[in-house]
């Protein structure tokens, strides 16, 4: 691993690809959202490329039984990168959020780790985030982005229950 990516060697990466994509219906009727093409490449391909560019060679991919075969086939057969994936399949009756998933796979987590959502596209170099995390001796580091919403979206989305996360400006702590 090159020097510029050395900070990622002490981190593991967990890629969450279990969402059903029900808001993308009918696009997800026959294909899981993580395999939907975006500019001729499946969404999950962008995540795997970002991890490779950031120096990762291994990733833990967590998915559900409905998507496991398709996700596994893409990563092991179609994806041409060098990253190695350990695929963990959640049980059919699994109900929980991100923290519950991390608790479920805790035996596989041996040191600090990144958690990535499998349905975003980003050009962030994770080794920069790792360097910030270490330089601040942080227990938790979060990368957040402001969501831009049109007026039309605001009117229709107001009926949906949302959780909000914020950061205090004076103490730089996460507020929920």
Protein backbone atom coordinates (compact mmCIF):
# COMPACT_ATOMS: atom_id res chain seq x y z
CA UNK A 1 0.00 0.00 0.00
CA UNK A 2 1.38 3.44 -0.85
CA UNK A 3 2.27 5.97 1.82
CA UNK A 4 -0.61 8.27 0.90
CA UNK A 5 -3.07 5.51 1.75
CA UNK A 6 -1.30 4.09 4.80
CA UNK A 7 -3.94 5.36 7.21
CA UNK A 8 -6.57 3.09 5.68
CA UNK A 9 -4.56 -0.03 6.52
CA UNK A 10 -5.67 0.34 10.12
CA UNK A 11 -9.33 0.66 9.11
CA UNK A 12 -11.87 -1.86 7.94
CA UNK A 13 -14.76 -0.96 5.69
CA UNK A 14 -18.38 -2.07 5.94
CA UNK A 15 -20.57 -1.51 2.88
CA UNK A 16 -24.31 -1.67 3.57
CA UNK A 17 -26.27 -2.88 0.55
CA UNK A 18 -29.49 -4.19 2.05
CA UNK A 19 -32.04 -1.50 1.21
CA UNK A 20 -34.99 -2.54 -0.89
CA UNK A 21 -35.29 0.65 -2.92
CA UNK A 22 -39.08 0.76 -2.59
CA UNK A 23 -39.08 4.51 -3.35
CA UNK A 24 -37.43 3.72 -6.70
CA UNK A 25 -40.22 1.39 -7.80
CA UNK A 26 -40.76 0.35 -10.61
CA UNK A 27 -37.01 0.55 -11.35
CA UNK A 28 -36.34 -1.89 -8.51
CA UNK A 29 -39.08 -4.33 -9.45
CA UNK A 30 -36.58 -6.72 -11.10
CA UNK A 31 -33.23 -5.33 -9.94
CA UNK A 32 -31.99 -4.24 -6.52
CA UNK A 33 -31.18 -0.55 -6.24
CA UNK A 34 -27.47 -1.17 -5.69
CA UNK A 35 -27.22 -2.72 -9.16
CA UNK A 36 -29.21 -0.03 -10.94
CA UNK A 37 -27.02 1.54 -13.64
CA UNK A 38 -25.87 5.12 -13.17
CA UNK A 39 -23.94 6.33 -16.22
CA UNK A 40 -23.61 2.72 -17.43
CA UNK A 41 -22.25 1.37 -14.16
CA UNK A 42 -24.08 -0.23 -11.24
CA UNK A 43 -24.35 2.01 -8.20
CA UNK A 44 -22.31 -0.37 -6.04
CA UNK A 45 -19.45 -0.13 -8.55
CA UNK A 46 -18.89 3.50 -7.56
CA UNK A 47 -18.53 2.49 -3.91
CA UNK A 48 -16.05 -0.26 -4.72
CA UNK A 49 -13.99 2.10 -6.91
CA UNK A 50 -13.95 4.74 -4.16
CA UNK A 51 -12.69 2.14 -1.67
CA UNK A 52 -9.92 1.03 -4.03
CA UNK A 53 -8.85 4.63 -4.70
CA UNK A 54 -8.69 5.13 -0.94
CA UNK A 55 -6.36 2.15 -0.53
CA UNK A 56 -8.71 -0.58 0.62
CA UNK A 57 -8.26 -4.13 -0.63
CA UNK A 58 -10.90 -5.76 1.59
CA UNK A 59 -14.48 -4.83 2.34
CA UNK A 60 -17.27 -6.40 4.37
CA UNK A 61 -20.47 -6.25 2.32
CA UNK A 62 -23.67 -6.68 4.33
CA UNK A 63 -26.83 -7.51 2.44
CA UNK A 64 -30.09 -9.39 2.80
CA UNK A 65 -31.15 -12.77 1.42
CA UNK A 66 -33.21 -11.22 -1.38
CA UNK A 67 -30.20 -9.42 -2.86
CA UNK A 68 -27.33 -11.67 -1.81
CA UNK A 69 -27.06 -13.71 -5.02
CA UNK A 70 -27.17 -10.70 -7.34
CA UNK A 71 -24.75 -8.63 -5.22
CA UNK A 72 -22.35 -11.55 -4.89
CA UNK A 73 -22.50 -12.30 -8.63
CA UNK A 74 -21.70 -8.69 -9.48
CA UNK A 75 -18.79 -8.33 -7.05
CA UNK A 76 -17.22 -11.71 -7.77
CA UNK A 77 -17.99 -12.00 -11.46
CA UNK A 78 -18.65 -8.67 -13.16
CA UNK A 79 -16.70 -6.12 -11.14
CA UNK A 80 -13.17 -5.89 -12.55
CA UNK A 81 -11.49 -4.18 -9.60
CA UNK A 82 -9.03 -5.71 -7.16
CA UNK A 83 -11.07 -5.35 -4.00
CA UNK A 84 -11.94 -8.53 -2.10
CA UNK A 85 -15.36 -8.76 -0.52
CA UNK A 86 -16.55 -10.77 2.43
CA UNK A 87 -20.30 -10.97 1.96
CA UNK A 88 -22.42 -11.27 5.08
CA UNK A 89 -26.09 -12.09 4.61
CA UNK A 90 -28.53 -10.91 7.24
CA UNK A 91 -31.22 -13.39 8.30
CA UNK A 92 -34.68 -13.03 6.77
CA UNK A 93 -36.19 -11.92 10.06
CA UNK A 94 -33.55 -9.24 10.71
CA UNK A 95 -35.14 -5.93 11.64
CA UNK A 96 -32.86 -3.11 12.57
CA UNK A 97 -30.83 -0.11 11.58
CA UNK A 98 -27.15 0.52 11.03
CA UNK A 99 -26.17 0.05 14.68
CA UNK A 100 -28.00 -3.27 14.76
CA UNK A 101 -26.15 -4.42 11.63
CA UNK A 102 -22.81 -3.48 13.22
CA UNK A 103 -23.76 -5.39 16.36
CA UNK A 104 -24.70 -8.41 14.22
CA UNK A 105 -21.32 -8.42 12.41
CA UNK A 106 -19.26 -7.35 15.45
CA UNK A 107 -17.19 -10.55 15.42
CA UNK A 108 -15.82 -9.48 12.02
CA UNK A 109 -14.80 -5.99 13.20
CA UNK A 110 -11.28 -6.10 14.60
CA UNK A 111 -10.36 -2.41 14.66
CA UNK A 112 -11.66 1.01 13.59
CA UNK A 113 -13.93 0.93 10.56
CA UNK A 114 -15.77 2.99 7.99
CA UNK A 115 -19.46 2.39 7.35
CA UNK A 116 -20.65 3.30 3.86
CA UNK A 117 -24.13 3.30 2.48
CA UNK A 118 -24.29 1.37 -0.76
CA UNK A 119 -26.63 3.83 -2.45
CA UNK A 120 -24.52 6.98 -2.66
CA UNK A 121 -21.95 8.23 -5.11
CA UNK A 122 -19.07 10.23 -3.68
CA UNK A 123 -15.58 11.27 -4.68
CA UNK A 124 -14.30 11.55 -1.11
CA UNK A 125 -10.84 10.07 -0.52
CA UNK A 126 -11.41 8.13 2.67
CA UNK A 127 -7.76 8.26 3.72
CA UNK A 128 -8.20 12.02 4.27
CA UNK A 129 -11.11 11.31 6.58
CA UNK A 130 -9.04 8.65 8.35
CA UNK A 131 -6.21 11.16 8.84
CA UNK A 132 -8.62 13.69 10.38
CA UNK A 133 -10.09 10.99 12.62
CA UNK A 134 -6.64 10.05 13.92
CA UNK A 135 -5.31 13.61 14.26
CA UNK A 136 -8.29 14.52 16.49
CA UNK A 137 -8.02 11.24 18.44
CA UNK A 138 -11.74 10.88 17.77
CA UNK A 139 -14.08 8.15 18.94
CA UNK A 140 -16.45 8.83 16.05
CA UNK A 141 -16.04 10.80 12.84
CA UNK A 142 -18.99 11.49 10.56
CA UNK A 143 -19.02 12.89 7.07
CA UNK A 144 -22.29 14.68 6.48
CA UNK A 145 -23.60 16.58 3.49
CA UNK A 146 -26.34 19.15 3.34
CA UNK A 147 -29.36 17.91 1.43
CA UNK A 148 -30.68 20.23 -1.24
CA UNK A 149 -34.43 19.93 -1.61
CA UNK A 150 -36.65 21.69 -4.07
CA UNK A 151 -39.87 23.36 -2.93
CA UNK A 152 -41.81 20.59 -4.68
CA UNK A 153 -39.96 17.90 -2.69
CA UNK A 154 -40.49 19.78 0.58
CA UNK A 155 -44.26 19.77 0.13
CA UNK A 156 -44.48 16.04 -0.58
CA UNK A 157 -41.81 14.94 1.91
CA UNK A 158 -43.28 16.80 4.91
CA UNK A 159 -45.64 13.87 5.51
CA UNK A 160 -42.70 11.48 5.96
CA UNK A 161 -41.24 11.07 9.46
CA UNK A 162 -37.57 12.05 9.50
CA UNK A 163 -34.72 11.85 12.00
CA UNK A 164 -32.37 14.81 12.05
CA UNK A 165 -28.74 14.87 13.03
CA UNK A 166 -26.86 18.09 13.69
CA UNK A 167 -23.56 19.28 15.01
CA UNK A 168 -23.23 21.93 17.69
CA UNK A 169 -21.06 24.82 16.52
CA UNK A 170 -19.44 25.47 19.89
CA UNK A 171 -18.53 21.96 21.05
CA UNK A 172 -18.59 20.11 17.73
CA UNK A 173 -20.69 17.26 19.06
CA UNK A 174 -23.40 15.29 17.31
CA UNK A 175 -26.94 16.20 18.31
CA UNK A 176 -29.89 13.93 17.65
